[in-house]
Amino acid sequence: MMHEPTSDALPAQARKALKNTKLQSVLEAVGQLFPLVRQAAVEKLPEFDALRDVAAQIKDHTFANLDFYLEAFEEKVERFGGHVHWARTAEEARQIVYTICKQEKARKVIKGKSMITEEIDLNAYLEDHDLEVVETDLGEYIIQLRGERPSHIIGPALHLTQKQISETFVEKHEALDPTRSMEDPQDLLNEAREILRKHFFTADIGITGANMLVAETGSAVVVSNEGNGGLSMTMPKTHIVVTSLDKIVPTLNDAATILRLLARSATGQELTTYSTFITGPKRAEDTDGPENFHVVLLDNGRSNMIGTEFQDVLRCIRCSACLNHCPVYTSIGGHAYGWVYPGPIGAALTPQLLGLKQARHLPNASTFCGKCEEVCPMRIPLTKMMRYWREKEFERHLTPGTTRFGLGAWAFLARNPRLYRLLSACAAWVLKKAAGRKGRLVHLPLAGGWTNARDMPAPEGKTFLNLWQDQKKDAAP
């Protein structure tokens, strides 16, 4: 059954996540561990910031010449015996994949980890058409058993505890002894290997995403820390790459530059365990590989972003650094965002893909601390992107009436400095008196979202403007 987006319910989903004690313990670990390993990896590479600048320039140049590089990629793929299919929408991409499966008389499909196939809900579509689909990435396999979406871009099952995973294996692997020991993580890993190995040998089609596409060689680049991705590409007779237009880069050198940033930003590694460049189907001299090679290139609204204020978000390499450093994501987790892409990158990208009406809450789920922008390896101005969406939300009258009234009142005061200074001085005096000797307010009308979780410090004296004026007077000759 297809998954319907629930991004419009983010406030309610966030409140539910905050009450989930198991989830909170996992998210606390995510928010502590990932930033530490990233920082350690960055410190070992003095040219990291320079590489960020180069990588951003590579993608900007590519987008300025996108038609040329996409056509060059198609020509190379076909020269090496592969096929390129163009999909304007998610529905077209699903139909293309299913048509290939029908042509190959496929019954079983194995899949490497892919955010694009999550975006188009490919698993559910193929299953609705009587195909068996098996995720081979361990995290994706776990959440497939549970009927869930990924909660994190590089760690789909990060929201789960070991106990929850053990319970899932016992429930779903019915042929195995229900009293078996599942206390050691190695037991879980061995069991998953045993189950998945059978699928590798019996699958007709292997589907993967692509971290990059190289126009120079017609190669698809897939990075992973598990061998399952490589097996999904090489074991079945047919390999289908499902990816989006923005993954294209001009040359192998460009791909290598971005790879130096990707793993360090994602998991703190210099490189992922496996970085696979696959170029066309198996040749006569090759010892392994697919007999048929297809690339499905998805647009799904991305071409409409080229040349607009939202183009920069297409530089994303899905490293998850912005998620791992975001105080909102590490408080509510990925499922609260209601669709495929959580965190700051989801807040910047999802309104374009789903529409602002459906996803209007996401750009507002930010403290604007700027940490996401600070750590992004591709220098995506994420806070700027979210601010754009907030502006468009206001322009389209999608914001609640109370919010619009509050912003209107603030704008009126900002245009009347004398009135603003008078009212702010009065408010500071009232809050100081209300706080009394404690100097803190336990409850404040219209600010319950703050005071429900913490006290509000009260103003201690004069307003900033008054202090500024006093300072100017003292400095005068």
Protein backbone atom coordinates (compact mmCIF):
# COMPACT_ATOMS: atom_id res chain seq x y z
CA MET A 1 0.00 0.00 0.00
CA MET A 2 1.34 3.43 -0.97
CA HIS A 3 2.50 5.72 1.85
CA GLU A 4 0.71 9.05 1.99
CA PRO A 5 2.74 12.08 3.14
CA THR A 6 1.76 13.47 6.54
CA SER A 7 3.92 16.60 6.55
CA ASP A 8 0.86 18.75 7.20
CA ALA A 9 0.57 17.05 10.61
CA LEU A 10 4.10 17.90 11.77
CA PRO A 11 3.06 19.78 14.96
CA ALA A 12 1.02 16.84 16.26
CA GLN A 13 3.67 14.32 15.19
CA ALA A 14 6.39 16.35 16.91
CA ARG A 15 4.44 16.42 20.18
CA LYS A 16 4.03 12.65 19.98
CA ALA A 17 7.76 12.17 19.35
CA LEU A 18 8.69 14.34 22.32
CA LYS A 19 6.67 12.04 24.60
CA ASN A 20 8.33 8.87 23.25
CA THR A 21 11.02 8.12 25.85
CA LYS A 22 12.67 5.36 23.80
CA LEU A 23 12.95 7.63 20.79
CA GLN A 24 14.33 10.47 22.90
CA SER A 25 17.13 8.29 24.23
CA VAL A 26 18.12 7.26 20.70
CA LEU A 27 17.99 10.83 19.38
CA GLU A 28 20.16 12.07 22.23
CA ALA A 29 22.85 9.59 21.17
CA VAL A 30 22.54 10.66 17.53
CA GLY A 31 22.93 14.32 18.43
CA GLN A 32 26.06 13.58 20.46
CA LEU A 33 27.87 10.94 18.38
CA PHE A 34 27.59 12.11 14.78
CA PRO A 35 28.83 15.67 15.36
CA LEU A 36 31.86 14.32 17.24
CA VAL A 37 32.93 11.86 14.53
CA ARG A 38 32.38 14.42 11.81
CA GLN A 39 34.48 17.02 13.61
CA ALA A 40 37.29 14.51 14.15
CA ALA A 41 37.31 13.61 10.45
CA VAL A 42 37.24 17.24 9.31
CA GLU A 43 40.14 18.18 11.56
CA LYS A 44 42.29 15.54 9.83
CA LEU A 45 41.72 17.18 6.44
CA PRO A 46 43.04 20.76 6.43
CA GLU A 47 41.68 21.44 2.95
CA PHE A 48 38.12 20.45 3.90
CA ASP A 49 36.67 23.97 3.59
CA ALA A 50 38.47 24.54 0.30
CA LEU A 51 36.98 21.29 -1.01
CA ARG A 52 33.53 22.53 0.00
CA ASP A 53 34.00 25.60 -2.16
CA VAL A 54 35.17 23.51 -5.11
CA ALA A 55 32.30 21.03 -4.73
CA ALA A 56 29.71 23.81 -4.68
CA GLN A 57 31.28 25.30 -7.82
CA ILE A 58 31.18 21.89 -9.55
CA LYS A 59 27.45 21.56 -8.95
CA ASP A 60 26.70 25.17 -9.89
CA HIS A 61 28.60 24.72 -13.16
CA THR A 62 26.74 21.47 -13.81
CA PHE A 63 23.32 23.07 -13.28
CA ALA A 64 24.26 25.91 -15.62
CA ASN A 65 24.96 23.29 -18.31
CA LEU A 66 22.58 20.58 -17.16
CA ASP A 67 21.20 19.68 -20.60
CA PHE A 68 24.70 19.18 -22.01
CA TYR A 69 25.88 16.88 -19.23
CA LEU A 70 22.69 14.83 -19.12
CA GLU A 71 22.86 14.23 -22.87
CA ALA A 72 26.55 13.35 -22.59
CA PHE A 73 25.73 10.86 -19.83
CA GLU A 74 22.98 9.26 -21.91
CA GLU A 75 25.28 8.93 -24.91
CA LYS A 76 27.97 7.21 -22.83
CA VAL A 77 25.52 4.80 -21.16
CA GLU A 78 24.13 3.73 -24.52
CA ARG A 79 27.62 3.42 -26.02
CA PHE A 80 28.46 0.86 -23.32
CA GLY A 81 25.25 -1.11 -23.91
CA GLY A 82 22.96 0.40 -21.29
CA HIS A 83 19.64 2.23 -21.54
CA VAL A 84 18.53 5.60 -20.16
CA HIS A 85 14.86 6.30 -19.41
CA TRP A 86 13.54 9.81 -18.70
CA ALA A 87 10.77 10.27 -16.12
CA ARG A 88 9.07 13.61 -15.56
CA THR A 89 7.04 12.43 -12.57
CA ALA A 90 7.11 9.80 -9.86
CA GLU A 91 4.31 7.91 -11.63
CA GLU A 92 6.29 7.78 -14.86
CA ALA A 93 9.36 6.48 -13.01
CA ARG A 94 7.33 3.74 -11.32
CA GLN A 95 5.79 2.66 -14.61
CA ILE A 96 9.19 2.55 -16.34
CA VAL A 97 10.63 0.29 -13.64
CA TYR A 98 7.59 -1.98 -13.71
CA THR A 99 7.72 -2.22 -17.51
CA ILE A 100 11.35 -3.39 -17.34
CA CYS A 101 10.38 -5.96 -14.70
CA LYS A 102 7.59 -7.25 -16.93
CA GLN A 103 9.91 -7.48 -19.93
CA GLU A 104 12.32 -9.57 -17.86
CA LYS A 105 9.44 -11.69 -16.49
CA ALA A 106 10.68 -10.86 -13.02
CA ARG A 107 9.13 -12.19 -9.85
CA LYS A 108 11.59 -10.99 -7.21
CA VAL A 109 13.36 -7.64 -6.90
CA ILE A 110 16.20 -6.89 -4.48
CA LYS A 111 17.03 -3.29 -3.65
CA GLY A 112 19.99 -1.37 -2.39
CA LYS A 113 19.36 1.66 -0.18
CA SER A 114 17.83 4.52 -2.20
CA MET A 115 16.11 7.73 -1.11
CA ILE A 116 14.74 8.32 -4.60
CA THR A 117 12.86 5.01 -4.57
CA GLU A 118 11.46 6.08 -1.21
CA GLU A 119 10.44 9.38 -2.78
CA ILE A 120 8.45 7.64 -5.53
CA ASP A 121 7.17 4.89 -3.18
CA LEU A 122 8.49 2.25 -5.57
CA ASN A 123 8.30 -0.73 -3.21
CA ALA A 124 4.58 -0.38 -2.62
CA TYR A 125 3.91 0.12 -6.34
CA LEU A 126 5.80 -3.03 -7.34
CA GLU A 127 4.21 -5.06 -4.55
CA ASP A 128 0.78 -3.89 -5.68
CA HIS A 129 1.72 -5.39 -9.07
CA ASP A 130 2.53 -8.79 -7.54
CA LEU A 131 6.31 -8.48 -7.36
CA GLU A 132 8.26 -9.53 -4.28
CA VAL A 133 10.53 -6.68 -3.18
CA VAL A 134 13.31 -7.19 -0.63
CA GLU A 135 15.43 -4.40 0.82
CA THR A 136 19.03 -5.54 1.30
CA ASP A 137 20.51 -2.67 3.32
CA LEU A 138 20.21 -3.80 6.93
CA GLY A 139 18.51 -0.64 8.15
CA GLU A 140 16.10 -0.58 5.21
CA TYR A 141 15.40 -4.30 5.67
CA ILE A 142 14.47 -3.73 9.31
CA ILE A 143 12.05 -0.92 8.60
CA GLN A 144 10.58 -2.86 5.66
CA LEU A 145 9.73 -5.67 8.08
CA ARG A 146 8.08 -3.10 10.36
CA GLY A 147 6.20 -1.32 7.55
CA GLU A 148 7.86 2.02 8.34
CA ARG A 149 9.59 4.77 6.43
CA PRO A 150 13.24 5.70 7.10
CA SER A 151 13.69 8.15 9.94
CA HIS A 152 17.19 9.20 8.92
CA ILE A 153 18.80 9.52 5.51
CA ILE A 154 21.90 7.39 6.16
CA GLY A 155 20.57 5.40 9.11
CA PRO A 156 16.99 4.40 8.23
CA ALA A 157 16.46 2.46 11.50
CA LEU A 158 18.27 4.84 13.86
CA HIS A 159 15.02 5.50 15.69
CA LEU A 160 14.87 1.90 16.91
CA THR A 161 16.50 0.27 19.92
CA GLN A 162 18.19 -3.13 19.74
CA LYS A 163 15.32 -4.63 21.71
CA GLN A 164 12.78 -3.37 19.19
CA ILE A 165 14.81 -4.83 16.31
CA SER A 166 15.13 -8.17 18.11
CA GLU A 167 11.37 -8.29 18.65
CA THR A 168 10.80 -7.53 14.97
CA PHE A 169 13.10 -10.36 13.85
CA VAL A 170 11.43 -12.84 16.18
CA GLU A 171 7.99 -11.81 14.90
CA LYS A 172 8.79 -11.72 11.18
CA HIS A 173 11.29 -14.58 10.82
CA GLU A 174 8.67 -17.16 11.70
CA ALA A 175 10.64 -20.16 10.40
CA LEU A 176 13.37 -19.69 13.03
CA ASP A 177 13.32 -20.78 16.68
CA PRO A 178 11.34 -18.15 18.62
CA THR A 179 13.41 -18.84 21.75
CA ARG A 180 16.77 -18.14 20.07
CA SER A 181 19.17 -15.69 21.68
CA MET A 182 18.98 -12.16 20.25
CA GLU A 183 20.94 -10.26 22.90
CA ASP A 184 24.16 -9.80 20.93
CA PRO A 185 24.01 -7.39 17.94
CA GLN A 186 26.12 -9.93 16.05
CA ASP A 187 23.22 -12.40 16.36
CA LEU A 188 20.96 -9.92 14.57
CA LEU A 189 23.54 -9.35 11.86
CA ASN A 190 24.12 -13.06 11.27
CA GLU A 191 20.41 -13.72 11.05
CA ALA A 192 19.88 -10.93 8.52
CA ARG A 193 22.76 -12.27 6.43
CA GLU A 194 21.29 -15.76 6.45
CA ILE A 195 17.87 -14.51 5.34
CA LEU A 196 19.12 -12.08 2.71
CA ARG A 197 21.68 -14.43 1.12
CA LYS A 198 18.86 -16.58 -0.26
CA HIS A 199 17.27 -13.55 -1.90
CA PHE A 200 20.51 -12.55 -3.63
CA PHE A 201 20.68 -15.91 -5.38
CA THR A 202 17.02 -15.96 -6.47
CA ALA A 203 16.37 -12.32 -7.48
CA ASP A 204 15.62 -11.42 -11.09
CA ILE A 205 16.13 -7.65 -10.81
CA GLY A 206 18.47 -5.52 -8.71
CA ILE A 207 17.53 -1.88 -8.07
CA THR A 208 19.78 0.76 -6.56
CA GLY A 209 19.92 4.51 -6.35
CA ALA A 210 23.04 6.49 -7.25
CA ASN A 211 25.02 8.98 -5.20
CA MET A 212 26.36 10.47 -8.42
CA LEU A 213 26.23 10.04 -12.20
CA VAL A 214 29.38 10.79 -14.20
CA ALA A 215 28.79 12.38 -17.59
CA GLU A 216 32.37 11.72 -18.73
CA THR A 217 32.07 7.92 -18.47
CA GLY A 218 28.36 7.14 -18.16
CA SER A 219 29.01 5.65 -14.72
CA ALA A 220 26.69 5.41 -11.74
CA VAL A 221 28.44 5.87 -8.38
CA VAL A 222 27.03 4.02 -5.39
CA VAL A 223 28.58 4.32 -1.92
CA SER A 224 27.75 2.12 1.05
CA ASN A 225 29.19 0.52 4.16
CA GLU A 226 27.63 -2.85 3.42
CA GLY A 227 28.42 -5.31 0.63
CA ASN A 228 24.72 -5.69 -0.01
CA GLY A 229 24.70 -2.72 -2.40
CA GLY A 230 27.31 -4.34 -4.62
CA LEU A 231 25.50 -7.67 -4.56
CA SER A 232 22.26 -5.96 -5.57
CA MET A 233 24.07 -4.50 -8.60
CA THR A 234 25.95 -7.57 -9.75
CA MET A 235 24.02 -10.71 -8.76
CA PRO A 236 20.71 -10.32 -10.65
CA LYS A 237 20.50 -10.50 -14.43
CA THR A 238 19.24 -6.91 -14.67
CA HIS A 239 20.35 -3.83 -12.76
CA ILE A 240 18.14 -0.72 -12.66
CA VAL A 241 19.52 2.55 -11.30
CA VAL A 242 16.75 4.92 -10.18
CA THR A 243 18.04 8.40 -9.48
CA SER A 244 17.36 12.09 -10.10
CA LEU A 245 18.69 14.64 -12.59
CA ASP A 246 20.61 16.62 -9.99
CA LYS A 247 23.02 13.73 -9.28
CA ILE A 248 25.00 14.36 -12.46
CA VAL A 249 28.62 15.59 -12.29
CA PRO A 250 30.90 16.27 -15.28
CA THR A 251 33.99 14.11 -14.63
CA LEU A 252 35.49 11.35 -12.51
CA ASN A 253 37.70 13.95 -10.82
CA ASP A 254 34.59 15.88 -9.82
CA ALA A 255 33.06 12.72 -8.37
CA ALA A 256 36.26 12.04 -6.41
CA THR A 257 36.20 15.56 -4.95
CA ILE A 258 32.67 15.13 -3.67
CA LEU A 259 33.42 11.66 -2.32
CA ARG A 260 36.10 13.19 -0.09
CA LEU A 261 33.39 15.32 1.52
CA LEU A 262 30.58 12.78 1.64
CA ALA A 263 31.82 10.14 4.06
CA ARG A 264 33.50 12.63 6.39
CA SER A 265 30.27 14.60 6.68
CA ALA A 266 28.07 11.52 7.02
CA THR A 267 29.85 9.01 9.25
CA GLY A 268 33.25 10.51 10.00
CA GLN A 269 35.03 8.12 7.62
CA GLU A 270 37.62 9.13 5.06
CA LEU A 271 35.73 7.02 2.52
CA THR A 272 32.83 4.64 2.80
CA THR A 273 33.72 0.93 2.84
CA TYR A 274 32.46 0.50 -0.72
CA SER A 275 32.57 3.15 -3.47
CA THR A 276 31.36 1.42 -6.62
CA PHE A 277 31.51 2.88 -10.14
CA ILE A 278 29.32 0.80 -12.44
CA THR A 279 29.47 1.50 -16.17
CA GLY A 280 27.00 -0.39 -18.34
CA PRO A 281 26.21 -4.11 -18.38
CA LYS A 282 28.67 -6.99 -18.09
CA ARG A 283 31.20 -7.27 -20.89
CA ALA A 284 32.73 -10.47 -22.28
CA GLU A 285 35.89 -10.10 -20.21
CA ASP A 286 34.06 -9.29 -16.95
CA THR A 287 33.79 -11.96 -14.26
CA ASP A 288 30.55 -10.61 -12.83
CA GLY A 289 27.89 -7.96 -13.39
CA PRO A 290 24.40 -7.65 -14.83
CA GLU A 291 23.52 -8.61 -18.39
CA ASN A 292 21.16 -5.62 -18.66
CA PHE A 293 21.72 -2.11 -17.34
CA HIS A 294 19.07 0.62 -17.10
CA VAL A 295 19.13 4.12 -15.66
CA VAL A 296 15.83 5.84 -14.80
CA LEU A 297 16.38 9.61 -14.56
CA LEU A 298 13.70 11.32 -12.48
CA ASP A 299 12.83 15.00 -12.65
CA ASN A 300 9.84 15.28 -10.28
CA GLY A 301 9.95 19.08 -10.08
CA ARG A 302 13.71 19.52 -9.94
CA SER A 303 14.13 21.17 -13.34
CA ASN A 304 11.69 23.85 -12.20
CA MET A 305 14.19 24.79 -9.48
CA ILE A 306 17.07 25.45 -11.88
CA GLY A 307 17.72 29.19 -12.15
CA THR A 308 15.52 30.03 -9.17
CA GLU A 309 16.25 30.94 -5.56
CA PHE A 310 15.79 27.23 -4.71
CA GLN A 311 18.48 25.86 -7.04
CA ASP A 312 21.14 25.64 -4.33
CA VAL A 313 19.25 22.91 -2.49
CA LEU A 314 19.89 20.58 -5.43
CA ARG A 315 23.58 20.48 -4.48
CA CYS A 316 22.66 18.15 -1.59
CA ILE A 317 24.63 14.87 -1.45
CA ARG A 318 22.41 13.32 1.26
CA CYS A 319 25.13 13.13 3.90
CA SER A 320 22.74 13.95 6.79
CA ALA A 321 25.16 16.36 8.48
CA CYS A 322 22.37 18.94 8.73
CA LEU A 323 20.11 16.42 10.47
CA ASN A 324 22.76 15.34 12.95
CA HIS A 325 23.46 18.91 14.07
CA CYS A 326 19.88 20.20 14.05
CA PRO A 327 18.34 20.79 17.52
CA VAL A 328 14.88 20.26 16.06
CA TYR A 329 15.61 16.98 14.27
CA THR A 330 17.50 15.59 17.28
CA SER A 331 14.46 16.40 19.42
CA ILE A 332 11.64 15.00 17.26
CA GLY A 333 13.28 12.51 14.87
CA GLY A 334 12.61 11.91 11.21
CA HIS A 335 9.10 10.48 11.22
CA ALA A 336 7.66 13.71 12.61
CA TYR A 337 8.46 15.41 9.28
CA GLY A 338 5.94 13.13 7.61
CA TRP A 339 7.78 12.21 4.42
CA VAL A 340 11.05 11.00 2.94
CA TYR A 341 13.43 13.88 3.66
CA PRO A 342 13.60 15.02 7.31
CA GLY A 343 15.54 17.76 9.03
CA PRO A 344 16.74 21.01 7.45
CA ILE A 345 17.22 19.49 4.00
CA GLY A 346 13.65 18.23 4.12
CA ALA A 347 12.43 21.67 5.19
CA ALA A 348 14.17 23.18 2.16
CA LEU A 349 13.35 20.50 -0.44
CA THR A 350 9.99 18.96 0.49
CA PRO A 351 7.81 22.05 -0.19
CA GLN A 352 9.08 21.98 -3.78
CA LEU A 353 8.31 18.28 -4.22
CA LEU A 354 4.99 18.05 -2.34
CA GLY A 355 3.77 21.62 -2.57
CA LEU A 356 3.90 24.34 0.03
CA LYS A 357 0.35 23.75 1.29
CA GLN A 358 1.21 20.17 2.24
CA ALA A 359 4.67 20.95 3.64
CA ARG A 360 4.33 24.49 5.02
CA HIS A 361 5.13 23.43 8.60
CA LEU A 362 8.58 22.11 7.70
CA PRO A 363 10.37 25.45 7.05
CA ASN A 364 8.97 26.68 10.35
CA ALA A 365 10.48 23.72 12.25
CA SER A 366 13.79 25.50 12.70
CA THR A 367 15.47 27.61 15.34
CA PHE A 368 17.51 29.33 12.60
CA CYS A 369 20.64 28.67 14.65
CA GLY A 370 22.47 28.18 11.34
CA LYS A 371 24.32 25.02 12.38
CA CYS A 372 22.93 23.09 9.40
CA GLU A 373 24.36 25.66 7.02
CA GLU A 374 27.65 25.74 8.90
CA VAL A 375 28.28 21.99 8.52
CA CYS A 376 26.81 21.40 5.04
CA PRO A 377 29.64 20.07 2.84
CA MET A 378 28.02 21.56 -0.28
CA ARG A 379 27.54 25.02 1.25
CA ILE A 380 23.77 24.98 0.79
CA PRO A 381 22.28 28.12 2.41
CA LEU A 382 19.60 26.11 4.21
CA THR A 383 18.35 28.87 6.50
CA LYS A 384 18.01 31.13 3.46
CA MET A 385 15.98 28.41 1.70
CA MET A 386 13.66 28.05 4.68
CA ARG A 387 13.26 31.81 4.88
CA TYR A 388 12.21 31.86 1.21
CA TRP A 389 9.53 29.27 1.93
CA ARG A 390 8.29 31.21 4.96
CA GLU A 391 7.96 34.30 2.78
CA LYS A 392 6.01 32.37 0.16
CA GLU A 393 3.82 30.85 2.86
CA PHE A 394 2.94 34.35 4.05
CA GLU A 395 2.37 35.64 0.49
CA ARG A 396 -0.08 32.79 -0.22
CA HIS A 397 -1.98 33.37 3.04
CA LEU A 398 -1.18 29.87 4.28
CA THR A 399 -0.04 31.04 7.72
CA PRO A 400 -2.64 30.96 10.55
CA GLY A 401 -4.61 34.15 11.18
CA THR A 402 -3.04 34.61 14.62
CA THR A 403 0.45 34.46 13.14
CA ARG A 404 -0.44 36.94 10.40
CA PHE A 405 -1.93 39.30 12.99
CA GLY A 406 1.19 39.05 15.15
CA LEU A 407 3.51 39.74 12.22
CA GLY A 408 1.30 42.63 11.13
CA ALA A 409 1.40 44.14 14.60
CA TRP A 410 5.16 43.76 14.75
CA ALA A 411 5.54 45.41 11.32
CA PHE A 412 3.35 48.31 12.46
CA LEU A 413 5.50 48.85 15.55
CA ALA A 414 8.70 48.57 13.53
CA ARG A 415 7.49 51.39 11.28
CA ASN A 416 6.75 53.56 14.34
CA PRO A 417 9.96 53.73 16.39
CA ARG A 418 8.67 56.02 19.13
CA LEU A 419 5.67 53.82 19.83
CA TYR A 420 7.91 50.72 19.69
CA ARG A 421 10.33 52.18 22.26
CA LEU A 422 7.50 53.22 24.55
CA LEU A 423 5.74 49.84 24.49
CA SER A 424 8.96 47.81 24.81
CA ALA A 425 9.99 49.87 27.83
CA CYS A 426 6.56 49.34 29.43
CA ALA A 427 6.68 45.60 28.68
CA ALA A 428 10.15 45.30 30.20
CA TRP A 429 8.98 47.08 33.37
CA VAL A 430 5.86 44.89 33.69
CA LEU A 431 7.79 41.64 33.16
CA LYS A 432 10.41 42.64 35.70
CA LYS A 433 7.74 43.37 38.30
CA ALA A 434 5.89 40.13 37.52
CA ALA A 435 9.04 38.07 37.94
CA GLY A 436 9.76 39.53 41.40
CA ARG A 437 12.93 38.55 43.21
CA LYS A 438 13.35 35.27 41.30
CA GLY A 439 13.90 37.16 38.08
CA ARG A 440 12.21 34.42 36.06
CA LEU A 441 8.68 33.87 34.79
CA VAL A 442 7.18 30.39 35.27
CA HIS A 443 4.20 31.12 33.03
CA LEU A 444 3.73 33.75 30.38
CA PRO A 445 0.57 34.29 28.29
CA LEU A 446 1.05 33.72 24.55
CA ALA A 447 4.43 32.08 25.26
CA GLY A 448 3.30 28.72 26.62
CA GLY A 449 5.48 26.88 24.11
CA TRP A 450 8.48 28.31 25.94
CA THR A 451 7.35 28.35 29.57
CA ASN A 452 5.86 24.84 29.48
CA ALA A 453 9.40 23.48 29.27
CA ARG A 454 11.53 26.21 30.89
CA ASP A 455 11.34 29.47 32.79
CA MET A 456 11.48 32.77 30.91
CA PRO A 457 14.23 35.13 32.14
CA ALA A 458 12.74 38.51 32.93
CA PRO A 459 14.25 41.82 31.76
CA GLU A 460 16.69 43.13 34.34
CA GLY A 461 16.46 46.85 33.68
CA LYS A 462 16.51 49.19 30.72
CA THR A 463 15.82 48.20 27.13
CA PHE A 464 18.65 47.70 24.67
CA LEU A 465 17.88 51.02 22.96
CA ASN A 466 18.01 52.87 26.28
CA LEU A 467 21.33 51.25 27.12
CA TRP A 468 22.66 52.13 23.68
CA GLN A 469 21.65 55.76 24.09
CA ASP A 470 23.24 55.92 27.55
CA GLN A 471 26.46 54.50 26.12
CA LYS A 472 26.50 57.09 23.36
CA LYS A 473 26.03 59.87 25.93
CA ASP A 474 28.89 58.53 28.07
CA ALA A 475 31.16 58.33 25.03
CA ALA A 476 30.37 61.86 23.88
CA PRO A 477 33.25 64.40 24.39
